[in-house]
C-alpha atoms as a PDB file:
ATOM      1  CA  UNK A   1     101.427 -50.870 -83.264  1.00  0.00           C
ATOM      2  CA  UNK A   2     103.708 -53.309 -85.094  1.00  0.00           C
ATOM      3  CA  UNK A   3     102.477 -57.317 -84.842  1.00  0.00           C
ATOM      4  CA  UNK A   4     105.375 -58.279 -83.282  1.00  0.00           C
ATOM      5  CA  UNK A   5     104.540 -55.993 -80.199  1.00  0.00           C
ATOM      6  CA  UNK A   6     101.254 -57.551 -79.994  1.00  0.00           C
ATOM      7  CA  UNK A   7     101.668 -60.197 -79.648  1.00  0.00           C
ATOM      8  CA  UNK A   8     104.408 -59.456 -76.656  1.00  0.00           C
ATOM      9  CA  UNK A   9     101.278 -57.596 -75.093  1.00  0.00           C
ATOM     10  CA  UNK A  10      99.088 -60.334 -75.795  1.00  0.00           C
ATOM     11  CA  UNK A  11     101.515 -63.017 -74.348  1.00  0.00           C
ATOM     12  CA  UNK A  12     102.818 -61.098 -71.602  1.00  0.00           C
ATOM     13  CA  UNK A  13     100.105 -59.688 -68.619  1.00  0.00           C
ATOM     14  CA  UNK A  14     102.728 -57.384 -67.564  1.00  0.00           C
ATOM     15  CA  UNK A  15     103.229 -55.842 -70.385  1.00  0.00           C
ATOM     16  CA  UNK A  16      99.932 -56.130 -71.146  1.00  0.00           C
ATOM     17  CA  UNK A  17      99.326 -53.587 -67.605  1.00  0.00           C
ATOM     18  CA  UNK A  18     101.604 -51.067 -69.364  1.00  0.00           C
ATOM     19  CA  UNK A  19      99.672 -50.833 -72.581  1.00  0.00           C
ATOM     20  CA  UNK A  20      96.588 -50.276 -70.227  1.00  0.00           C
ATOM     21  CA  UNK A  21      98.163 -47.899 -68.444  1.00  0.00           C
ATOM     22  CA  UNK A  22      99.849 -46.185 -71.819  1.00  0.00           C
ATOM     23  CA  UNK A  23      95.966 -45.701 -72.812  1.00  0.00           C
ATOM     24  CA  UNK A  24      94.310 -44.556 -70.133  1.00  0.00           C
ATOM     25  CA  UNK A  25      96.936 -41.795 -67.896  1.00  0.00           C
ATOM     26  CA  UNK A  26      95.943 -38.678 -69.612  1.00  0.00           C
ATOM     27  CA  UNK A  27      99.746 -38.394 -69.147  1.00  0.00           C
ATOM     28  CA  UNK A  28     101.229 -40.768 -71.074  1.00  0.00           C
ATOM     29  CA  UNK A  29      97.936 -40.213 -73.732  1.00  0.00           C
ATOM     30  CA  UNK A  30     100.046 -37.105 -74.368  1.00  0.00           C
ATOM     31  CA  UNK A  31     103.022 -38.666 -75.188  1.00  0.00           C
ATOM     32  CA  UNK A  32     104.344 -39.947 -77.911  1.00  0.00           C
ATOM     33  CA  UNK A  33     105.116 -43.817 -77.039  1.00  0.00           C
ATOM     34  CA  UNK A  34     109.034 -43.790 -78.396  1.00  0.00           C
ATOM     35  CA  UNK A  35     109.301 -41.693 -75.059  1.00  0.00           C
ATOM     36  CA  UNK A  36     107.557 -44.224 -73.019  1.00  0.00           C
ATOM     37  CA  UNK A  37     110.773 -46.428 -71.425  1.00  0.00           C
ATOM     38  CA  UNK A  38     109.074 -50.091 -71.578  1.00  0.00           C
ATOM     39  CA  UNK A  39     107.646 -48.870 -74.663  1.00  0.00           C
ATOM     40  CA  UNK A  40     111.169 -48.292 -76.392  1.00  0.00           C
ATOM     41  CA  UNK A  41     112.978 -51.522 -74.434  1.00  0.00           C
ATOM     42  CA  UNK A  42     109.933 -53.387 -76.326  1.00  0.00           C
ATOM     43  CA  UNK A  43     110.528 -52.568 -79.769  1.00  0.00           C
ATOM     44  CA  UNK A  44     113.927 -51.891 -79.423  1.00  0.00           C
ATOM     45  CA  UNK A  45     115.815 -53.172 -76.620  1.00  0.00           C
ATOM     46  CA  UNK A  46     117.023 -51.824 -73.272  1.00  0.00           C
ATOM     47  CA  UNK A  47     120.648 -51.101 -75.234  1.00  0.00           C
ATOM     48  CA  UNK A  48     119.322 -47.794 -76.746  1.00  0.00           C
ATOM     49  CA  UNK A  49     117.765 -46.546 -73.057  1.00  0.00           C
ATOM     50  CA  UNK A  50     119.453 -43.818 -71.291  1.00  0.00           C
ATOM     51  CA  UNK A  51     120.008 -44.490 -67.219  1.00  0.00           C
ATOM     52  CA  UNK A  52     117.232 -42.821 -66.688  1.00  0.00           C
ATOM     53  CA  UNK A  53     114.517 -44.712 -68.719  1.00  0.00           C
ATOM     54  CA  UNK A  54     115.919 -48.045 -67.268  1.00  0.00           C
ATOM     55  CA  UNK A  55     116.048 -46.697 -63.822  1.00  0.00           C
ATOM     56  CA  UNK A  56     111.889 -45.657 -64.586  1.00  0.00           C
ATOM     57  CA  UNK A  57     111.717 -49.446 -65.885  1.00  0.00           C
ATOM     58  CA  UNK A  58     112.785 -50.949 -62.486  1.00  0.00           C
ATOM     59  CA  UNK A  59     110.888 -48.018 -60.465  1.00  0.00           C
ATOM     60  CA  UNK A  60     107.630 -48.813 -62.527  1.00  0.00           C
ATOM     61  CA  UNK A  61     105.302 -46.228 -60.798  1.00  0.00           C
ATOM     62  CA  UNK A  62     105.231 -41.819 -59.919  1.00  0.00           C
ATOM     63  CA  UNK A  63     103.213 -40.297 -57.902  1.00  0.00           C
ATOM     64  CA  UNK A  64     100.189 -38.300 -59.032  1.00  0.00           C
ATOM     65  CA  UNK A  65     101.772 -35.343 -60.493  1.00  0.00           C
ATOM     66  CA  UNK A  66     104.732 -37.137 -61.310  1.00  0.00           C
ATOM     67  CA  UNK A  67     105.495 -39.503 -63.736  1.00  0.00           C
ATOM     68  CA  UNK A  68     108.408 -41.940 -62.887  1.00  0.00           C
ATOM     69  CA  UNK A  69     110.248 -40.868 -65.611  1.00  0.00           C
ATOM     70  CA  UNK A  70     110.521 -37.181 -64.327  1.00  0.00           C
ATOM     71  CA  UNK A  71     111.128 -39.155 -61.269  1.00  0.00           C
ATOM     72  CA  UNK A  72     114.270 -40.964 -63.392  1.00  0.00           C
ATOM     73  CA  UNK A  73     115.630 -37.830 -64.550  1.00  0.00           C
ATOM     74  CA  UNK A  74     115.600 -36.014 -61.453  1.00  0.00           C
ATOM     75  CA  UNK A  75     117.591 -38.851 -59.779  1.00  0.00           C
ATOM     76  CA  UNK A  76     119.867 -39.001 -62.355  1.00  0.00           C
ATOM     77  CA  UNK A  77     120.414 -35.091 -62.876  1.00  0.00           C
ATOM     78  CA  UNK A  78     120.905 -34.261 -59.358  1.00  0.00           C
ATOM     79  CA  UNK A  79     123.800 -37.213 -59.308  1.00  0.00           C
ATOM     80  CA  UNK A  80     124.980 -35.558 -62.650  1.00  0.00           C
ATOM     81  CA  UNK A  81     123.783 -38.940 -64.611  1.00  0.00           C
ATOM     82  CA  UNK A  82     126.912 -40.766 -63.142  1.00  0.00           C
ATOM     83  CA  UNK A  83     125.541 -43.908 -61.416  1.00  0.00           C
ATOM     84  CA  UNK A  84     129.233 -44.017 -59.248  1.00  0.00           C
ATOM     85  CA  UNK A  85     127.689 -40.513 -57.460  1.00  0.00           C
ATOM     86  CA  UNK A  86     124.252 -42.321 -56.943  1.00  0.00           C
ATOM     87  CA  UNK A  87     126.142 -45.498 -55.373  1.00  0.00           C
ATOM     88  CA  UNK A  88     127.270 -43.091 -52.476  1.00  0.00           C
ATOM     89  CA  UNK A  89     124.019 -41.487 -51.633  1.00  0.00           C
ATOM     90  CA  UNK A  90     122.609 -43.139 -48.209  1.00  0.00           C
ATOM     91  CA  UNK A  91     119.173 -44.287 -47.814  1.00  0.00           C
ATOM     92  CA  UNK A  92     118.345 -41.459 -46.206  1.00  0.00           C
ATOM     93  CA  UNK A  93     119.870 -39.013 -48.804  1.00  0.00           C
ATOM     94  CA  UNK A  94     117.514 -41.132 -51.088  1.00  0.00           C
ATOM     95  CA  UNK A  95     114.389 -40.411 -49.162  1.00  0.00           C
ATOM     96  CA  UNK A  96     114.977 -36.574 -49.583  1.00  0.00           C
ATOM     97  CA  UNK A  97     113.651 -37.372 -53.130  1.00  0.00           C
ATOM     98  CA  UNK A  98     110.521 -36.206 -53.967  1.00  0.00           C
ATOM     99  CA  UNK A  99     108.602 -39.746 -55.150  1.00  0.00           C
ATOM    100  CA  UNK A 100     111.216 -41.784 -53.544  1.00  0.00           C
ATOM    101  CA  UNK A 101     109.821 -43.843 -50.242  1.00  0.00           C
ATOM    102  CA  UNK A 102     111.756 -46.516 -48.437  1.00  0.00           C
ATOM    103  CA  UNK A 103     110.267 -49.215 -51.181  1.00  0.00           C
ATOM    104  CA  UNK A 104     111.834 -47.175 -53.706  1.00  0.00           C
ATOM    105  CA  UNK A 105     114.764 -46.669 -51.711  1.00  0.00           C
ATOM    106  CA  UNK A 106     115.811 -50.133 -51.064  1.00  0.00           C
ATOM    107  CA  UNK A 107     114.803 -51.170 -55.350  1.00  0.00           C
ATOM    108  CA  UNK A 108     117.931 -48.664 -55.719  1.00  0.00           C
ATOM    109  CA  UNK A 109     120.036 -49.880 -53.534  1.00  0.00           C
ATOM    110  CA  UNK A 110     119.444 -53.415 -54.540  1.00  0.00           C
ATOM    111  CA  UNK A 111     119.929 -52.907 -58.104  1.00  0.00           C
ATOM    112  CA  UNK A 112     123.342 -50.975 -57.260  1.00  0.00           C
ATOM    113  CA  UNK A 113     124.249 -53.700 -54.888  1.00  0.00           C
ATOM    114  CA  UNK A 114     123.875 -56.502 -58.174  1.00  0.00           C
ATOM    115  CA  UNK A 115     126.060 -54.480 -60.089  1.00  0.00           C
ATOM    116  CA  UNK A 116     128.944 -54.527 -57.593  1.00  0.00           C
ATOM    117  CA  UNK A 117     128.244 -58.353 -57.308  1.00  0.00           C
ATOM    118  CA  UNK A 118     128.445 -58.690 -61.291  1.00  0.00           C
ATOM    119  CA  UNK A 119     131.531 -56.697 -61.494  1.00  0.00           C
ATOM    120  CA  UNK A 120     133.254 -58.615 -58.698  1.00  0.00           C
ATOM    121  CA  UNK A 121     132.878 -62.240 -60.041  1.00  0.00           C
ATOM    122  CA  UNK A 122     136.111 -63.455 -61.487  1.00  0.00           C
ATOM    123  CA  UNK A 123     135.973 -64.295 -65.328  1.00  0.00           C
ATOM    124  CA  UNK A 124     136.209 -67.509 -67.438  1.00  0.00           C
ATOM    125  CA  UNK A 125     139.588 -65.952 -68.152  1.00  0.00           C
ATOM    126  CA  UNK A 126     141.622 -65.364 -65.502  1.00  0.00           C
ATOM    127  CA  UNK A 127     143.188 -62.310 -64.934  1.00  0.00           C
ATOM    128  CA  UNK A 128     146.675 -61.883 -64.998  1.00  0.00           C
ATOM    129  CA  UNK A 129     148.387 -59.327 -62.160  1.00  0.00           C
ATOM    130  CA  UNK A 130     151.851 -57.640 -63.726  1.00  0.00           C
ATOM    131  CA  UNK A 131     151.903 -54.787 -61.652  1.00  0.00           C
ATOM    132  CA  UNK A 132     149.697 -52.335 -59.147  1.00  0.00           C
ATOM    133  CA  UNK A 133     148.249 -50.485 -62.510  1.00  0.00           C
ATOM    134  CA  UNK A 134     146.080 -53.806 -62.679  1.00  0.00           C
ATOM    135  CA  UNK A 135     145.478 -54.090 -59.785  1.00  0.00           C
ATOM    136  CA  UNK A 136     143.701 -50.929 -59.851  1.00  0.00           C
ATOM    137  CA  UNK A 137     142.122 -51.597 -62.753  1.00  0.00           C
ATOM    138  CA  UNK A 138     140.484 -54.326 -61.208  1.00  0.00           C
ATOM    139  CA  UNK A 139     139.362 -53.182 -58.172  1.00  0.00           C
ATOM    140  CA  UNK A 140     137.875 -48.928 -59.232  1.00  0.00           C
ATOM    141  CA  UNK A 141     134.428 -50.366 -60.125  1.00  0.00           C
ATOM    142  CA  UNK A 142     134.506 -52.549 -56.941  1.00  0.00           C
ATOM    143  CA  UNK A 143     135.450 -50.262 -54.075  1.00  0.00           C
ATOM    144  CA  UNK A 144     136.822 -46.980 -55.656  1.00  0.00           C
ATOM    145  CA  UNK A 145     133.411 -45.142 -55.094  1.00  0.00           C
ATOM    146  CA  UNK A 146     132.278 -46.628 -51.886  1.00  0.00           C
ATOM    147  CA  UNK A 147     132.032 -44.398 -48.984  1.00  0.00           C
ATOM    148  CA  UNK A 148     133.195 -47.156 -46.945  1.00  0.00           C
ATOM    149  CA  UNK A 149     136.448 -48.665 -46.312  1.00  0.00           C
ATOM    150  CA  UNK A 150     136.623 -52.509 -48.000  1.00  0.00           C
ATOM    151  CA  UNK A 151     139.403 -54.546 -47.455  1.00  0.00           C
ATOM    152  CA  UNK A 152     140.502 -57.396 -50.054  1.00  0.00           C
ATOM    153  CA  UNK A 153     142.742 -60.101 -50.900  1.00  0.00           C
ATOM    154  CA  UNK A 154     143.394 -61.399 -54.576  1.00  0.00           C
ATOM    155  CA  UNK A 155     145.105 -64.827 -54.720  1.00  0.00           C
ATOM    156  CA  UNK A 156     147.150 -65.739 -57.250  1.00  0.00           C
ATOM    157  CA  UNK A 157     148.301 -69.127 -58.603  1.00  0.00           C
ATOM    158  CA  UNK A 158     152.194 -69.266 -59.934  1.00  0.00           C
ATOM    159  CA  UNK A 159     151.233 -67.601 -63.367  1.00  0.00           C
ATOM    160  CA  UNK A 160     150.341 -64.748 -61.585  1.00  0.00           C
ATOM    161  CA  UNK A 161     146.520 -64.881 -62.260  1.00  0.00           C
ATOM    162  CA  UNK A 162     143.486 -63.716 -60.394  1.00  0.00           C
ATOM    163  CA  UNK A 163     141.936 -67.950 -58.792  1.00  0.00           C
ATOM    164  CA  UNK A 164     140.571 -65.405 -55.929  1.00  0.00           C
ATOM    165  CA  UNK A 165     138.876 -62.581 -54.711  1.00  0.00           C
ATOM    166  CA  UNK A 166     137.423 -62.347 -51.349  1.00  0.00           C
ATOM    167  CA  UNK A 167     136.655 -58.948 -49.128  1.00  0.00           C
ATOM    168  CA  UNK A 168     138.092 -59.642 -46.036  1.00  0.00           C
ATOM    169  CA  UNK A 169     136.357 -56.980 -44.109  1.00  0.00           C
ATOM    170  CA  UNK A 170     134.221 -53.631 -44.063  1.00  0.00           C
ATOM    171  CA  UNK A 171     134.365 -50.631 -42.180  1.00  0.00           C
ATOM    172  CA  UNK A 172     133.280 -47.214 -41.645  1.00  0.00           C
ATOM    173  CA  UNK A 173     134.392 -44.410 -43.768  1.00  0.00           C
ATOM    174  CA  UNK A 174     137.337 -44.058 -41.892  1.00  0.00           C
ATOM    175  CA  UNK A 175     138.874 -47.217 -41.715  1.00  0.00           C
ATOM    176  CA  UNK A 176     137.857 -51.195 -41.195  1.00  0.00           C
ATOM    177  CA  UNK A 177     139.067 -53.908 -39.485  1.00  0.00           C
ATOM    178  CA  UNK A 178     142.423 -55.567 -40.661  1.00  0.00           C
ATOM    179  CA  UNK A 179     141.725 -59.540 -40.085  1.00  0.00           C
ATOM    180  CA  UNK A 180     145.120 -61.142 -41.137  1.00  0.00           C
ATOM    181  CA  UNK A 181     143.619 -64.995 -39.810  1.00  0.00           C
ATOM    182  CA  UNK A 182     140.681 -64.072 -42.892  1.00  0.00           C
ATOM    183  CA  UNK A 183     142.966 -63.123 -45.315  1.00  0.00           C
ATOM    184  CA  UNK A 184     145.498 -65.971 -45.042  1.00  0.00           C
ATOM    185  CA  UNK A 185     142.250 -68.818 -44.406  1.00  0.00           C
ATOM    186  CA  UNK A 186     141.304 -67.880 -47.860  1.00  0.00           C
ATOM    187  CA  UNK A 187     145.131 -68.305 -48.852  1.00  0.00           C
ATOM    188  CA  UNK A 188     145.359 -71.602 -47.949  1.00  0.00           C
ATOM    189  CA  UNK A 189     141.461 -72.745 -48.533  1.00  0.00           C
ATOM    190  CA  UNK A 190     142.359 -71.475 -52.299  1.00  0.00           C
ATOM    191  CA  UNK A 191     145.992 -73.077 -52.783  1.00  0.00           C
ATOM    192  CA  UNK A 192     147.623 -69.448 -53.579  1.00  0.00           C
ATOM    193  CA  UNK A 193     150.825 -69.520 -54.556  1.00  0.00           C
ATOM    194  CA  UNK A 194     151.216 -65.495 -54.215  1.00  0.00           C
ATOM    195  CA  UNK A 195     148.594 -62.606 -52.661  1.00  0.00           C
ATOM    196  CA  UNK A 196     147.817 -59.227 -53.232  1.00  0.00           C
ATOM    197  CA  UNK A 197     146.193 -56.995 -50.201  1.00  0.00           C
ATOM    198  CA  UNK A 198     143.887 -53.994 -51.567  1.00  0.00           C
ATOM    199  CA  UNK A 199     141.577 -51.334 -50.504  1.00  0.00           C
ATOM    200  CA  UNK A 200     139.896 -48.227 -50.926  1.00  0.00           C
ATOM    201  CA  UNK A 201     140.213 -44.776 -49.443  1.00  0.00           C
ATOM    202  CA  UNK A 202     136.715 -43.055 -49.375  1.00  0.00           C
ATOM    203  CA  UNK A 203     138.277 -39.673 -48.799  1.00  0.00           C
ATOM    204  CA  UNK A 204     139.926 -40.282 -52.071  1.00  0.00           C
ATOM    205  CA  UNK A 205     143.288 -39.736 -51.080  1.00  0.00           C
ATOM    206  CA  UNK A 206     145.722 -42.373 -51.557  1.00  0.00           C
ATOM    207  CA  UNK A 207     148.099 -41.409 -49.147  1.00  0.00           C
ATOM    208  CA  UNK A 208     148.544 -44.124 -47.209  1.00  0.00           C
ATOM    209  CA  UNK A 209     148.375 -43.901 -43.002  1.00  0.00           C
ATOM    210  CA  UNK A 210     150.746 -45.554 -40.818  1.00  0.00           C
ATOM    211  CA  UNK A 211     147.448 -48.349 -40.087  1.00  0.00           C
ATOM    212  CA  UNK A 212     147.984 -48.933 -43.758  1.00  0.00           C
ATOM    213  CA  UNK A 213     151.805 -49.422 -43.134  1.00  0.00           C
ATOM    214  CA  UNK A 214     151.183 -51.240 -39.312  1.00  0.00           C
ATOM    215  CA  UNK A 215     148.674 -53.702 -42.019  1.00  0.00           C
ATOM    216  CA  UNK A 216     151.075 -54.418 -44.823  1.00  0.00           C
ATOM    217  CA  UNK A 217     153.879 -55.189 -42.512  1.00  0.00           C
ATOM    218  CA  UNK A 218     151.708 -57.800 -40.918  1.00  0.00           C
ATOM    219  CA  UNK A 219     150.388 -59.192 -44.020  1.00  0.00           C
ATOM    220  CA  UNK A 220     153.607 -59.768 -45.390  1.00  0.00           C
ATOM    221  CA  UNK A 221     155.089 -61.185 -42.243  1.00  0.00           C
ATOM    222  CA  UNK A 222     151.831 -63.888 -41.865  1.00  0.00           C
ATOM    223  CA  UNK A 223     153.134 -64.840 -45.572  1.00  0.00           C
ATOM    224  CA  UNK A 224     156.101 -64.952 -44.975  1.00  0.00           C
ATOM    225  CA  UNK A 225     155.567 -67.554 -42.351  1.00  0.00           C
ATOM    226  CA  UNK A 226     153.245 -69.428 -44.828  1.00  0.00           C
ATOM    227  CA  UNK A 227     155.615 -69.495 -47.392  1.00  0.00           C
ATOM    228  CA  UNK A 228     153.339 -66.923 -49.481  1.00  0.00           C
ATOM    229  CA  UNK A 229     154.920 -64.444 -51.609  1.00  0.00           C
ATOM    230  CA  UNK A 230     153.391 -61.091 -50.351  1.00  0.00           C
ATOM    231  CA  UNK A 231     153.487 -59.371 -53.352  1.00  0.00           C
ATOM    232  CA  UNK A 232     151.765 -56.020 -53.075  1.00  0.00           C
ATOM    233  CA  UNK A 233     149.081 -53.595 -50.762  1.00  0.00           C
ATOM    234  CA  UNK A 234     147.222 -51.240 -53.051  1.00  0.00           C
ATOM    235  CA  UNK A 235     145.505 -48.196 -51.684  1.00  0.00           C
ATOM    236  CA  UNK A 236     142.564 -47.804 -54.367  1.00  0.00           C
ATOM    237  CA  UNK A 237     140.150 -44.396 -55.026  1.00  0.00           C
ATOM    238  CA  UNK A 238     138.144 -43.629 -58.087  1.00  0.00           C
ATOM    239  CA  UNK A 239     140.626 -41.412 -58.990  1.00  0.00           C
ATOM    240  CA  UNK A 240     143.837 -43.429 -58.695  1.00  0.00           C
ATOM    241  CA  UNK A 241     146.201 -45.381 -56.805  1.00  0.00           C
ATOM    242  CA  UNK A 242     149.239 -46.265 -54.040  1.00  0.00           C
ATOM    243  CA  UNK A 243     151.490 -49.074 -54.903  1.00  0.00           C
ATOM    244  CA  UNK A 244     153.781 -49.974 -51.570  1.00  0.00           C
ATOM    245  CA  UNK A 245     155.466 -52.502 -54.377  1.00  0.00           C
ATOM    246  CA  UNK A 246     155.559 -49.409 -56.524  1.00  0.00           C
ATOM    247  CA  UNK A 247     157.003 -47.172 -53.804  1.00  0.00           C
ATOM    248  CA  UNK A 248     159.735 -50.174 -52.448  1.00  0.00           C
ATOM    249  CA  UNK A 249     158.218 -50.547 -49.389  1.00  0.00           C
ATOM    250  CA  UNK A 250     157.572 -54.345 -49.505  1.00  0.00           C
END
């Protein structure tokens, strides 16, 4: 063991516990230390780890006869190594996996929620919106793979840069509640010059529904009353998008 790793293990009780567990557990003794996610992270950093190895670190412990590395590999293999697919799993579905109880299911949900929140933060350099393609690129990872509908509003300044993004409602797998007052309230509070409405279709079908048409017209009229430009309503899925503006319907 190199001196740097030894120093880490001595100064970090958690890491020392991991090392003790590695030394005492038969399964751990029989495996090369480089194959153990925590050991690899200590030596080389987390960036070289596979997704299943990262999950093994987060979930920490397996069950008798079923180590955490096997559990994590099973979890990702069942979702074709896709975090997007895993994100769509309900808690009831997660609990069907061998070795996953309520605590681990909630840990998985919490990590996925953190990734969504990270993705929804506005970067220091405000993104500029020049068309529906930019909206889709901004929103795809946030809502494109969700199993339920969410309505968001993008608030823009005079230079068409996003100054704020707000989720205004969350619904079921088929529809969500449209709250025009909430949308316009956000626009006023952010002193927005224009706004773009966007929501997802969990079905993957980008075609707008009659309800989507109605929402678009109501939002457009509400913006006109406040002298705010209504630029577009973009429907986003994992595979594509639909733009009312590009279709000449705004």
